[in-house]
């Protein structure tokens, strides 16, 4: 990894093994205010609003952003592997949904943004608080990169929280409850099985095919 400066923020350039470049989403024009409209391929970047220090907007590589959110404390590298992959999927799709559904008036001092750093959306820790993702967090992001979650046939805004008791104790079909997910992983559940527990019923996992341009689903 090497460091570089982007928009006044010390950032990390991560070399992603086996990275697949997503086809252009020119065919997807559902939201005229979004920079990306594919529900099969994640966006290449995300614009993050940081309200501290007078407020500013930073554009981040999307894979890097997801790993950095995990490193900010939400899904530490010490957790079991399957819980990290499930967590990476939830972090990724939450931000992806925000990119897809960005309102036209979502801007800060004239700069459009997709997501807020902090409690309203996801903690990212910019500037001096930016933490370098571990190799296992980077691999967890990669493991489920081309998969997305559907409920009742719709691309959903996944969520997550740090509570939840034991495996499957608290389930609402939309959120991952981090303590419960960790317990599931320690019991030997795969990340796919964890998703079935927390997103089911009527849950479907979709895997994008880089050589295809499927029609969007709502």
Protein backbone atom coordinates (compact mmCIF):
# COMPACT_ATOMS: atom_id res chain seq x y z
CA UNK A 1 0.00 0.00 0.00
CA UNK A 2 1.15 3.59 -0.48
CA UNK A 3 -0.19 6.87 0.86
CA UNK A 4 -1.25 9.89 -1.14
CA UNK A 5 -3.13 13.12 -0.58
CA UNK A 6 -6.65 13.49 -1.94
CA UNK A 7 -8.74 16.58 -1.22
CA UNK A 8 -6.57 17.46 1.77
CA UNK A 9 -7.02 14.01 3.33
CA UNK A 10 -4.19 11.56 3.87
CA UNK A 11 -5.51 8.47 2.11
CA UNK A 12 -4.47 4.97 1.15
CA UNK A 13 -4.09 3.41 -2.26
CA UNK A 14 -4.98 -0.26 -2.01
CA UNK A 15 -3.95 -2.71 -4.71
CA UNK A 16 -6.95 -5.00 -5.06
CA UNK A 17 -6.17 -8.58 -6.12
CA UNK A 18 -8.21 -9.83 -9.04
CA UNK A 19 -10.12 -6.57 -9.32
CA UNK A 20 -12.82 -6.50 -11.98
CA UNK A 21 -13.50 -3.20 -13.70
CA UNK A 22 -17.25 -2.66 -13.91
CA UNK A 23 -18.79 -1.88 -17.28
CA UNK A 24 -19.93 1.70 -17.76
CA UNK A 25 -23.44 2.35 -16.48
CA UNK A 26 -24.45 4.65 -19.33
CA UNK A 27 -27.53 2.51 -19.97
CA UNK A 28 -28.80 3.17 -16.44
CA UNK A 29 -30.40 6.59 -16.16
CA UNK A 30 -32.97 6.15 -13.39
CA UNK A 31 -31.67 8.87 -11.11
CA UNK A 32 -30.46 11.95 -13.02
CA UNK A 33 -28.76 13.30 -9.88
CA UNK A 34 -26.67 10.20 -9.24
CA UNK A 35 -23.26 9.58 -10.75
CA UNK A 36 -24.02 5.84 -10.93
CA UNK A 37 -27.20 3.87 -11.55
CA UNK A 38 -26.21 0.20 -11.81
CA UNK A 39 -27.67 -2.15 -9.20
CA UNK A 40 -25.38 -4.95 -10.33
CA UNK A 41 -21.95 -3.30 -10.30
CA UNK A 42 -20.82 -1.09 -7.41
CA UNK A 43 -19.88 2.51 -8.21
CA UNK A 44 -16.21 3.34 -8.79
CA UNK A 45 -16.24 6.13 -6.20
CA UNK A 46 -18.31 7.76 -3.47
CA UNK A 47 -18.44 11.41 -2.37
CA UNK A 48 -18.30 11.73 1.43
CA UNK A 49 -19.40 14.80 3.39
CA UNK A 50 -17.26 15.51 6.44
CA UNK A 51 -18.90 18.14 8.62
CA UNK A 52 -15.89 18.73 10.89
CA UNK A 53 -13.38 21.54 10.31
CA UNK A 54 -15.95 23.72 8.56
CA UNK A 55 -17.19 20.92 6.32
CA UNK A 56 -15.80 19.53 3.09
CA UNK A 57 -16.54 16.83 0.52
CA UNK A 58 -14.03 14.13 -0.39
CA UNK A 59 -14.34 11.72 -3.31
CA UNK A 60 -13.01 8.25 -2.44
CA UNK A 61 -12.39 5.11 -4.40
CA UNK A 62 -15.38 2.96 -3.44
CA UNK A 63 -13.50 -0.23 -2.54
CA UNK A 64 -11.07 1.75 -0.42
CA UNK A 65 -13.92 3.57 1.31
CA UNK A 66 -15.67 0.31 2.27
CA UNK A 67 -12.47 -1.13 3.75
CA UNK A 68 -11.78 2.13 5.61
CA UNK A 69 -15.28 2.12 7.15
CA UNK A 70 -14.56 -1.40 8.41
CA UNK A 71 -11.22 -0.22 9.79
CA UNK A 72 -12.90 2.72 11.53
CA UNK A 73 -14.10 0.25 14.14
CA UNK A 74 -17.28 -1.27 12.76
CA UNK A 75 -15.83 -4.61 11.64
CA UNK A 76 -12.33 -5.01 13.12
CA UNK A 77 -9.92 -7.51 11.63
CA UNK A 78 -10.00 -9.61 14.81
CA UNK A 79 -13.52 -10.82 13.98
CA UNK A 80 -14.08 -14.23 12.32
CA UNK A 81 -13.71 -14.28 8.54
CA UNK A 82 -17.34 -15.00 7.65
CA UNK A 83 -18.57 -12.12 9.83
CA UNK A 84 -16.12 -9.77 8.11
CA UNK A 85 -17.41 -10.69 4.64
CA UNK A 86 -21.03 -10.28 5.75
CA UNK A 87 -20.10 -6.93 7.33
CA UNK A 88 -18.26 -5.76 4.20
CA UNK A 89 -21.35 -6.58 2.14
CA UNK A 90 -23.57 -4.55 4.47
CA UNK A 91 -21.23 -1.53 4.52
CA UNK A 92 -20.84 -1.67 0.74
CA UNK A 93 -24.53 -1.91 -0.09
CA UNK A 94 -25.52 0.79 2.42
CA UNK A 95 -23.18 3.28 0.70
CA UNK A 96 -24.11 1.97 -2.77
CA UNK A 97 -27.80 2.57 -2.02
CA UNK A 98 -26.99 6.14 -0.99
CA UNK A 99 -25.13 6.72 -4.27
CA UNK A 100 -28.11 5.38 -6.24
CA UNK A 101 -30.70 7.44 -4.37
CA UNK A 102 -28.89 10.74 -3.94
CA UNK A 103 -31.45 13.59 -3.96
CA UNK A 104 -30.74 16.45 -6.32
CA UNK A 105 -30.47 18.89 -3.42
CA UNK A 106 -27.91 16.84 -1.47
CA UNK A 107 -24.97 19.23 -1.51
CA UNK A 108 -22.68 21.10 0.89
CA UNK A 109 -21.66 24.62 -0.05
CA UNK A 110 -22.41 23.79 -3.67
CA UNK A 111 -20.57 20.45 -3.67
CA UNK A 112 -22.74 17.36 -4.25
CA UNK A 113 -22.19 14.40 -1.93
CA UNK A 114 -23.53 10.85 -1.62
CA UNK A 115 -23.03 9.98 2.03
CA UNK A 116 -22.23 11.62 5.37
CA UNK A 117 -19.31 10.65 7.57
CA UNK A 118 -20.61 9.83 11.05
CA UNK A 119 -23.76 8.87 12.86
CA UNK A 120 -26.25 9.84 10.15
CA UNK A 121 -24.70 7.31 7.77
CA UNK A 122 -21.37 5.49 8.35
CA UNK A 123 -18.28 6.38 10.36
CA UNK A 124 -15.24 6.75 8.11
CA UNK A 125 -12.71 8.74 10.24
CA UNK A 126 -11.09 11.23 7.86
CA UNK A 127 -7.89 13.26 8.31
CA UNK A 128 -5.75 12.16 11.28
CA UNK A 129 -8.28 9.53 12.31
CA UNK A 130 -8.12 7.59 9.03
CA UNK A 131 -7.13 4.02 9.76
CA UNK A 132 -5.33 1.70 7.37
CA UNK A 133 -7.41 -1.40 6.59
CA UNK A 134 -5.76 -4.72 7.30
CA UNK A 135 -5.16 -7.31 4.61
CA UNK A 136 -8.00 -9.44 5.95
CA UNK A 137 -10.43 -6.50 5.76
CA UNK A 138 -9.34 -5.81 2.18
CA UNK A 139 -9.87 -9.49 1.30
CA UNK A 140 -13.30 -9.47 2.96
CA UNK A 141 -14.38 -6.54 0.78
CA UNK A 142 -13.11 -8.36 -2.31
CA UNK A 143 -14.83 -11.65 -1.40
CA UNK A 144 -18.36 -10.31 -1.87
CA UNK A 145 -17.60 -7.40 -4.18
CA UNK A 146 -19.80 -8.47 -7.09
CA UNK A 147 -22.71 -9.67 -4.98
CA UNK A 148 -25.71 -7.60 -3.91
CA UNK A 149 -28.76 -8.20 -1.75
CA UNK A 150 -32.40 -8.25 -2.87
CA UNK A 151 -35.54 -8.43 -0.74
CA UNK A 152 -38.82 -9.09 -2.51
CA UNK A 153 -36.88 -8.50 -5.74
CA UNK A 154 -35.69 -5.02 -4.72
CA UNK A 155 -32.18 -3.70 -4.11
CA UNK A 156 -32.25 -2.81 -0.41
CA UNK A 157 -30.50 -0.31 1.86
CA UNK A 158 -28.70 -2.66 4.21
CA UNK A 159 -27.99 -1.51 7.73
CA UNK A 160 -26.00 -2.72 10.73
CA UNK A 161 -25.56 -2.05 14.42
CA UNK A 162 -23.17 -3.25 17.13
CA UNK A 163 -25.79 -4.97 19.27
CA UNK A 164 -27.89 -8.09 18.81
CA UNK A 165 -27.04 -10.70 21.43
CA UNK A 166 -26.43 -14.22 20.18
CA UNK A 167 -26.74 -15.64 16.67
CA UNK A 168 -30.21 -14.94 15.31
CA UNK A 169 -31.57 -13.45 18.57
CA UNK A 170 -32.53 -10.16 16.91
CA UNK A 171 -33.52 -10.27 13.23
CA UNK A 172 -35.55 -7.73 11.25
CA UNK A 173 -34.73 -8.74 7.65
CA UNK A 174 -32.74 -5.57 6.91
CA UNK A 175 -29.93 -5.14 9.43
CA UNK A 176 -26.90 -7.08 10.57
CA UNK A 177 -26.61 -7.12 14.35
CA UNK A 178 -22.87 -7.25 14.85
CA UNK A 179 -22.69 -9.20 18.11
CA UNK A 180 -25.09 -11.82 16.77
CA UNK A 181 -23.25 -12.03 13.45
CA UNK A 182 -19.97 -12.59 15.29
CA UNK A 183 -21.58 -15.35 17.34
CA UNK A 184 -22.90 -17.00 14.17
CA UNK A 185 -19.41 -16.92 12.64
CA UNK A 186 -17.88 -18.47 15.75
CA UNK A 187 -20.42 -21.26 15.46
CA UNK A 188 -19.14 -22.01 11.98
CA UNK A 189 -21.71 -20.22 9.82
CA UNK A 190 -20.53 -19.13 6.37
CA UNK A 191 -21.11 -15.52 5.36
CA UNK A 192 -23.82 -16.73 2.96
CA UNK A 193 -25.61 -18.52 5.81
CA UNK A 194 -25.28 -15.43 8.03
CA UNK A 195 -27.00 -13.41 5.32
CA UNK A 196 -29.83 -15.92 5.12
CA UNK A 197 -30.33 -15.65 8.89
CA UNK A 198 -30.43 -11.85 8.97
CA UNK A 199 -31.99 -10.95 5.61
CA UNK A 200 -34.45 -13.83 5.12
CA UNK A 201 -37.13 -14.67 4.23
CA UNK A 202 -37.61 -13.68 0.58
CA UNK A 203 -33.94 -12.81 0.42
CA UNK A 204 -31.85 -13.30 -2.71
CA UNK A 205 -28.16 -12.80 -3.35
CA UNK A 206 -27.34 -11.64 -6.88
CA UNK A 207 -23.87 -12.02 -8.41
CA UNK A 208 -22.96 -9.67 -11.26
CA UNK A 209 -21.42 -11.06 -14.42
CA UNK A 210 -18.70 -8.73 -15.75
CA UNK A 211 -19.38 -9.72 -19.35
CA UNK A 212 -23.11 -8.93 -19.20
CA UNK A 213 -25.22 -5.79 -18.98
CA UNK A 214 -28.41 -7.01 -17.26
CA UNK A 215 -31.47 -4.80 -17.04
CA UNK A 216 -31.80 -2.91 -13.78
CA UNK A 217 -34.26 -3.93 -11.12
CA UNK A 218 -36.12 -1.41 -9.02
